[in-house]
C-alpha cells in the first residue's frame, strides 16, 4: 500500500506542479482517495464501506488541483 500511495502522491504533485513541502498533505489526500475508491478484491466496495457498513456519497468530491 505504501508504494501505491507514494506513486499517487508523486503523480499528484507533478500533475499540478505543487511545492515538495506539501508532500504530507498530498499523501494524506492520496490515502483518502484510495479509501474512497472501489476495489475488485472487496467486491467493488470501498474500504470505508466495508469498515463502516455504510454506503458512501460522492457528492462532495471535487477534482484534485
PDB file of N, CA and C in Angstrom:
ATOM      1  N   UNK A   1       0.822  -1.189   0.000  1.00  0.00           N
ATOM      2  CA  UNK A   1       0.000   0.000   0.000  1.00  0.00           C
ATOM      3  C   UNK A   1       0.870   1.259   0.000  1.00  0.00           C
ATOM      4  N   UNK A   2       1.981   1.238   0.713  1.00  0.00           N
ATOM      5  CA  UNK A   2       2.835   2.429   0.754  1.00  0.00           C
ATOM      6  C   UNK A   2       3.337   2.817  -0.626  1.00  0.00           C
ATOM      7  N   UNK A   3       3.708   1.828  -1.437  1.00  0.00           N
ATOM      8  CA  UNK A   3       4.184   2.123  -2.786  1.00  0.00           C
ATOM      9  C   UNK A   3       3.078   2.764  -3.612  1.00  0.00           C
ATOM     10  N   UNK A   4       1.874   2.263  -3.482  1.00  0.00           N
ATOM     11  CA  UNK A   4       0.730   2.833  -4.201  1.00  0.00           C
ATOM     12  C   UNK A   4       0.507   4.277  -3.789  1.00  0.00           C
ATOM     13  N   UNK A   5       0.545   4.550  -2.494  1.00  0.00           N
ATOM     14  CA  UNK A   5       0.342   5.922  -2.017  1.00  0.00           C
ATOM     15  C   UNK A   5       1.445   6.851  -2.500  1.00  0.00           C
ATOM     16  N   UNK A   6       2.676   6.379  -2.465  1.00  0.00           N
ATOM     17  CA  UNK A   6       3.795   7.217  -2.921  1.00  0.00           C
ATOM     18  C   UNK A   6       3.690   7.512  -4.416  1.00  0.00           C
ATOM     19  N   UNK A   7       3.305   6.506  -5.204  1.00  0.00           N
ATOM     20  CA  UNK A   7       3.150   6.717  -6.642  1.00  0.00           C
ATOM     21  C   UNK A   7       2.028   7.714  -6.936  1.00  0.00           C
ATOM     22  N   UNK A   8       0.922   7.568  -6.230  1.00  0.00           N
ATOM     23  CA  UNK A   8      -0.192   8.505  -6.436  1.00  0.00           C
ATOM     24  C   UNK A   8       0.184   9.914  -5.999  1.00  0.00           C
ATOM     25  N   UNK A   9       0.853  10.022  -4.881  1.00  0.00           N
ATOM     26  CA  UNK A   9       1.263  11.345  -4.391  1.00  0.00           C
ATOM     27  C   UNK A   9       2.247  11.994  -5.360  1.00  0.00           C
ATOM     28  N   UNK A  10       3.196  11.229  -5.838  1.00  0.00           N
ATOM     29  CA  UNK A  10       4.181  11.754  -6.802  1.00  0.00           C
ATOM     30  C   UNK A  10       3.477  12.242  -8.060  1.00  0.00           C
ATOM     31  N   UNK A  11       2.526  11.468  -8.530  1.00  0.00           N
ATOM     32  CA  UNK A  11       1.770  11.843  -9.719  1.00  0.00           C
ATOM     33  C   UNK A  11       0.945  13.114  -9.481  1.00  0.00           C
ATOM     34  N   UNK A  12       0.321  13.198  -8.314  1.00  0.00           N
ATOM     35  CA  UNK A  12      -0.484  14.380  -7.985  1.00  0.00           C
ATOM     36  C   UNK A  12       0.398  15.625  -7.896  1.00  0.00           C
ATOM     37  N   UNK A  13       1.562  15.486  -7.274  1.00  0.00           N
ATOM     38  CA  UNK A  13       2.479  16.629  -7.143  1.00  0.00           C
ATOM     39  C   UNK A  13       2.983  17.108  -8.493  1.00  0.00           C
ATOM     40  N   UNK A  14       3.360  16.175  -9.351  1.00  0.00           N
ATOM     41  CA  UNK A  14       3.898  16.573 -10.655  1.00  0.00           C
ATOM     42  C   UNK A  14       2.801  17.065 -11.584  1.00  0.00           C
ATOM     43  N   UNK A  15       1.590  16.540 -11.419  1.00  0.00           N
ATOM     44  CA  UNK A  15       0.483  16.923 -12.291  1.00  0.00           C
ATOM     45  C   UNK A  15       0.057  18.368 -12.151  1.00  0.00           C
ATOM     46  N   UNK A  16       0.193  18.926 -10.964  1.00  0.00           N
ATOM     47  CA  UNK A  16      -0.230  20.314 -10.744  1.00  0.00           C
ATOM     48  C   UNK A  16       0.927  21.208 -10.326  1.00  0.00           C
ATOM     49  N   UNK A  17       2.128  20.652 -10.346  1.00  0.00           N
ATOM     50  CA  UNK A  17       3.354  21.409 -10.046  1.00  0.00           C
ATOM     51  C   UNK A  17       3.315  22.092  -8.675  1.00  0.00           C
ATOM     52  N   UNK A  18       2.983  21.303  -7.671  1.00  0.00           N
ATOM     53  CA  UNK A  18       2.978  21.818  -6.297  1.00  0.00           C
ATOM     54  C   UNK A  18       4.372  21.739  -5.697  1.00  0.00           C
ATOM     55  N   UNK A  19       4.588  22.529  -4.681  1.00  0.00           N
ATOM     56  CA  UNK A  19       5.880  22.536  -3.981  1.00  0.00           C
ATOM     57  C   UNK A  19       6.059  21.225  -3.209  1.00  0.00           C
ATOM     58  N   UNK A  20       7.283  20.715  -3.142  1.00  0.00           N
ATOM     59  CA  UNK A  20       7.563  19.478  -2.397  1.00  0.00           C
ATOM     60  C   UNK A  20       7.210  19.576  -0.913  1.00  0.00           C
ATOM     61  N   UNK A  21       7.115  20.777  -0.389  1.00  0.00           N
ATOM     62  CA  UNK A  21       6.772  20.944   1.025  1.00  0.00           C
ATOM     63  C   UNK A  21       5.355  20.446   1.331  1.00  0.00           C
ATOM     64  N   UNK A  22       4.542  20.281   0.322  1.00  0.00           N
ATOM     65  CA  UNK A  22       3.168  19.831   0.515  1.00  0.00           C
ATOM     66  C   UNK A  22       3.040  18.312   0.449  1.00  0.00           C
ATOM     67  N   UNK A  23       4.174  17.611   0.475  1.00  0.00           N
ATOM     68  CA  UNK A  23       4.197  16.157   0.336  1.00  0.00           C
ATOM     69  C   UNK A  23       3.256  15.465   1.329  1.00  0.00           C
ATOM     70  N   UNK A  24       3.295  15.824   2.590  1.00  0.00           N
ATOM     71  CA  UNK A  24       2.469  15.160   3.612  1.00  0.00           C
ATOM     72  C   UNK A  24       0.983  15.324   3.320  1.00  0.00           C
ATOM     73  N   UNK A  25       0.565  16.510   2.926  1.00  0.00           N
ATOM     74  CA  UNK A  25      -0.839  16.760   2.612  1.00  0.00           C
ATOM     75  C   UNK A  25      -1.272  15.978   1.377  1.00  0.00           C
ATOM     76  N   UNK A  26      -0.375  15.870   0.403  1.00  0.00           N
ATOM     77  CA  UNK A  26      -0.692  15.136  -0.824  1.00  0.00           C
ATOM     78  C   UNK A  26      -0.821  13.644  -0.528  1.00  0.00           C
ATOM     79  N   UNK A  27       0.060  13.089   0.294  1.00  0.00           N
ATOM     80  CA  UNK A  27      -0.030  11.673   0.671  1.00  0.00           C
ATOM     81  C   UNK A  27      -1.320  11.429   1.447  1.00  0.00           C
ATOM     82  N   UNK A  28      -1.684  12.341   2.330  1.00  0.00           N
ATOM     83  CA  UNK A  28      -2.936  12.210   3.081  1.00  0.00           C
ATOM     84  C   UNK A  28      -4.137  12.205   2.128  1.00  0.00           C
ATOM     85  N   UNK A  29      -4.122  13.071   1.139  1.00  0.00           N
ATOM     86  CA  UNK A  29      -5.199  13.120   0.155  1.00  0.00           C
ATOM     87  C   UNK A  29      -5.231  11.847  -0.683  1.00  0.00           C
ATOM     88  N   UNK A  30      -4.062  11.339  -1.064  1.00  0.00           N
ATOM     89  CA  UNK A  30      -3.993  10.089  -1.826  1.00  0.00           C
ATOM     90  C   UNK A  30      -4.582   8.934  -1.014  1.00  0.00           C
ATOM     91  N   UNK A  31      -4.265   8.877   0.255  1.00  0.00           N
ATOM     92  CA  UNK A  31      -4.799   7.841   1.143  1.00  0.00           C
ATOM     93  C   UNK A  31      -6.316   7.957   1.257  1.00  0.00           C
ATOM     94  N   UNK A  32      -6.800   9.170   1.410  1.00  0.00           N
ATOM     95  CA  UNK A  32      -8.237   9.421   1.488  1.00  0.00           C
ATOM     96  C   UNK A  32      -8.925   8.908   0.229  1.00  0.00           C
ATOM     97  N   UNK A  33      -8.344   9.207  -0.929  1.00  0.00           N
ATOM     98  CA  UNK A  33      -8.953   8.800  -2.195  1.00  0.00           C
ATOM     99  C   UNK A  33      -8.886   7.287  -2.397  1.00  0.00           C
ATOM    100  N   UNK A  34      -7.819   6.644  -1.953  1.00  0.00           N
ATOM    101  CA  UNK A  34      -7.733   5.183  -2.039  1.00  0.00           C
ATOM    102  C   UNK A  34      -8.834   4.554  -1.197  1.00  0.00           C
ATOM    103  N   UNK A  35      -9.050   5.075  -0.006  1.00  0.00           N
ATOM    104  CA  UNK A  35     -10.083   4.529   0.879  1.00  0.00           C
ATOM    105  C   UNK A  35     -11.492   4.785   0.376  1.00  0.00           C
ATOM    106  N   UNK A  36     -11.669   5.753  -0.511  1.00  0.00           N
ATOM    107  CA  UNK A  36     -12.983   6.066  -1.071  1.00  0.00           C
ATOM    108  C   UNK A  36     -13.187   5.459  -2.458  1.00  0.00           C
ATOM    109  N   UNK A  37     -12.184   4.710  -2.953  1.00  0.00           N
ATOM    110  CA  UNK A  37     -12.257   4.121  -4.295  1.00  0.00           C
ATOM    111  C   UNK A  37     -12.656   2.657  -4.214  1.00  0.00           C
ATOM    112  N   UNK A  38     -13.561   2.211  -5.094  1.00  0.00           N
ATOM    113  CA  UNK A  38     -13.952   0.795  -5.100  1.00  0.00           C
ATOM    114  C   UNK A  38     -12.771  -0.118  -5.426  1.00  0.00           C
ATOM    115  N   UNK A  39     -12.820  -1.315  -4.880  1.00  0.00           N
ATOM    116  CA  UNK A  39     -11.761  -2.297  -5.102  1.00  0.00           C
ATOM    117  C   UNK A  39     -12.389  -3.620  -5.530  1.00  0.00           C
ATOM    118  N   UNK A  40     -11.828  -4.250  -6.557  1.00  0.00           N
ATOM    119  CA  UNK A  40     -12.371  -5.527  -7.034  1.00  0.00           C
ATOM    120  C   UNK A  40     -12.191  -6.626  -5.982  1.00  0.00           C
ATOM    121  N   UNK A  41     -11.157  -6.541  -5.158  1.00  0.00           N
ATOM    122  CA  UNK A  41     -10.953  -7.557  -4.123  1.00  0.00           C
ATOM    123  C   UNK A  41     -11.983  -7.445  -3.000  1.00  0.00           C
ATOM    124  N   UNK A  42     -12.654  -6.310  -2.913  1.00  0.00           N
ATOM    125  CA  UNK A  42     -13.699  -6.103  -1.900  1.00  0.00           C
ATOM    126  C   UNK A  42     -15.083  -6.148  -2.533  1.00  0.00           C
ATOM    127  N   UNK A  43     -15.193  -6.861  -3.665  1.00  0.00           N
ATOM    128  CA  UNK A  43     -16.453  -6.988  -4.388  1.00  0.00           C
ATOM    129  C   UNK A  43     -17.001  -5.628  -4.801  1.00  0.00           C
ATOM    130  N   UNK A  44     -16.137  -4.783  -5.337  1.00  0.00           N
ATOM    131  CA  UNK A  44     -16.476  -3.444  -5.832  1.00  0.00           C
ATOM    132  C   UNK A  44     -17.051  -2.524  -4.761  1.00  0.00           C
ATOM    133  N   UNK A  45     -16.644  -2.748  -3.527  1.00  0.00           N
ATOM    134  CA  UNK A  45     -16.983  -1.837  -2.433  1.00  0.00           C
ATOM    135  C   UNK A  45     -15.737  -1.053  -2.077  1.00  0.00           C
ATOM    136  N   UNK A  46     -15.926   0.052  -1.400  1.00  0.00           N
ATOM    137  CA  UNK A  46     -14.772   0.826  -0.951  1.00  0.00           C
ATOM    138  C   UNK A  46     -14.320   0.286   0.402  1.00  0.00           C
ATOM    139  N   UNK A  47     -13.036   0.486   0.751  1.00  0.00           N
ATOM    140  CA  UNK A  47     -12.580   0.051   2.077  1.00  0.00           C
ATOM    141  C   UNK A  47     -13.414   0.670   3.211  1.00  0.00           C
ATOM    142  N   UNK A  48     -13.807   1.927   3.035  1.00  0.00           N
ATOM    143  CA  UNK A  48     -14.599   2.579   4.073  1.00  0.00           C
ATOM    144  C   UNK A  48     -15.986   1.943   4.199  1.00  0.00           C
ATOM    145  N   UNK A  49     -16.588   1.553   3.070  1.00  0.00           N
ATOM    146  CA  UNK A  49     -17.884   0.879   3.111  1.00  0.00           C
ATOM    147  C   UNK A  49     -17.788  -0.440   3.863  1.00  0.00           C
ATOM    148  N   UNK A  50     -16.729  -1.196   3.599  1.00  0.00           N
ATOM    149  CA  UNK A  50     -16.535  -2.476   4.270  1.00  0.00           C
ATOM    150  C   UNK A  50     -16.330  -2.268   5.765  1.00  0.00           C
ATOM    151  N   UNK A  51     -15.567  -1.250   6.130  1.00  0.00           N
ATOM    152  CA  UNK A  51     -15.258  -0.981   7.534  1.00  0.00           C
ATOM    153  C   UNK A  51     -16.481  -0.505   8.312  1.00  0.00           C
ATOM    154  N   UNK A  52     -17.232   0.451   7.737  1.00  0.00           N
ATOM    155  CA  UNK A  52     -18.357   1.045   8.459  1.00  0.00           C
ATOM    156  C   UNK A  52     -19.695   0.386   8.176  1.00  0.00           C
ATOM    157  N   UNK A  53     -19.796  -0.294   7.024  1.00  0.00           N
ATOM    158  CA  UNK A  53     -21.069  -0.905   6.658  1.00  0.00           C
ATOM    159  C   UNK A  53     -22.046   0.080   6.045  1.00  0.00           C
ATOM    160  N   UNK A  54     -21.612   1.310   5.788  1.00  0.00           N
ATOM    161  CA  UNK A  54     -22.479   2.344   5.224  1.00  0.00           C
ATOM    162  C   UNK A  54     -22.074   2.669   3.793  1.00  0.00           C
ATOM    163  N   UNK A  55     -23.066   2.909   2.934  1.00  0.00           N
ATOM    164  CA  UNK A  55     -22.816   3.309   1.550  1.00  0.00           C
ATOM    165  C   UNK A  55     -22.317   4.745   1.537  1.00  0.00           C
ATOM    166  N   UNK A  56     -21.317   5.029   0.684  1.00  0.00           N
ATOM    167  CA  UNK A  56     -20.719   6.358   0.624  1.00  0.00           C
ATOM    168  C   UNK A  56     -21.435   7.260  -0.366  1.00  0.00           C
ATOM    169  N   UNK A  57     -21.393   8.546  -0.090  1.00  0.00           N
ATOM    170  CA  UNK A  57     -21.909   9.555  -1.008  1.00  0.00           C
ATOM    171  C   UNK A  57     -20.721  10.322  -1.570  1.00  0.00           C
ATOM    172  N   UNK A  58     -20.709  10.486  -2.891  1.00  0.00           N
ATOM    173  CA  UNK A  58     -19.609  11.189  -3.545  1.00  0.00           C
ATOM    174  C   UNK A  58     -19.998  12.585  -3.991  1.00  0.00           C
ATOM    175  N   UNK A  59     -21.039  13.139  -3.412  1.00  0.00           N
ATOM    176  CA  UNK A  59     -21.500  14.464  -3.839  1.00  0.00           C
ATOM    177  C   UNK A  59     -20.534  15.568  -3.483  1.00  0.00           C
ATOM    178  N   UNK A  60     -19.735  15.395  -2.454  1.00  0.00           N
ATOM    179  CA  UNK A  60     -18.817  16.465  -2.049  1.00  0.00           C
ATOM    180  C   UNK A  60     -17.421  16.309  -2.635  1.00  0.00           C
ATOM    181  N   UNK A  61     -17.200  15.275  -3.447  1.00  0.00           N
ATOM    182  CA  UNK A  61     -15.880  15.052  -4.037  1.00  0.00           C
ATOM    183  C   UNK A  61     -15.617  16.060  -5.149  1.00  0.00           C
ATOM    184  N   UNK A  62     -14.405  16.571  -5.168  1.00  0.00           N
ATOM    185  CA  UNK A  62     -14.006  17.505  -6.218  1.00  0.00           C
ATOM    186  C   UNK A  62     -12.832  16.967  -7.005  1.00  0.00           C
ATOM    187  N   UNK A  63     -12.355  17.747  -7.915  1.00  0.00           N
ATOM    188  CA  UNK A  63     -11.204  17.371  -8.714  1.00  0.00           C
ATOM    189  C   UNK A  63      -9.952  17.863  -8.007  1.00  0.00           C
ATOM    190  N   UNK A  64      -8.930  17.004  -7.971  1.00  0.00           N
ATOM    191  CA  UNK A  64      -7.661  17.388  -7.334  1.00  0.00           C
ATOM    192  C   UNK A  64      -6.988  18.469  -8.165  1.00  0.00           C
ATOM    193  N   UNK A  65      -6.628  19.555  -7.521  1.00  0.00           N
ATOM    194  CA  UNK A  65      -5.935  20.641  -8.220  1.00  0.00           C
ATOM    195  C   UNK A  65      -4.738  21.065  -7.432  1.00  0.00           C
TER     196      UNK A  65
END
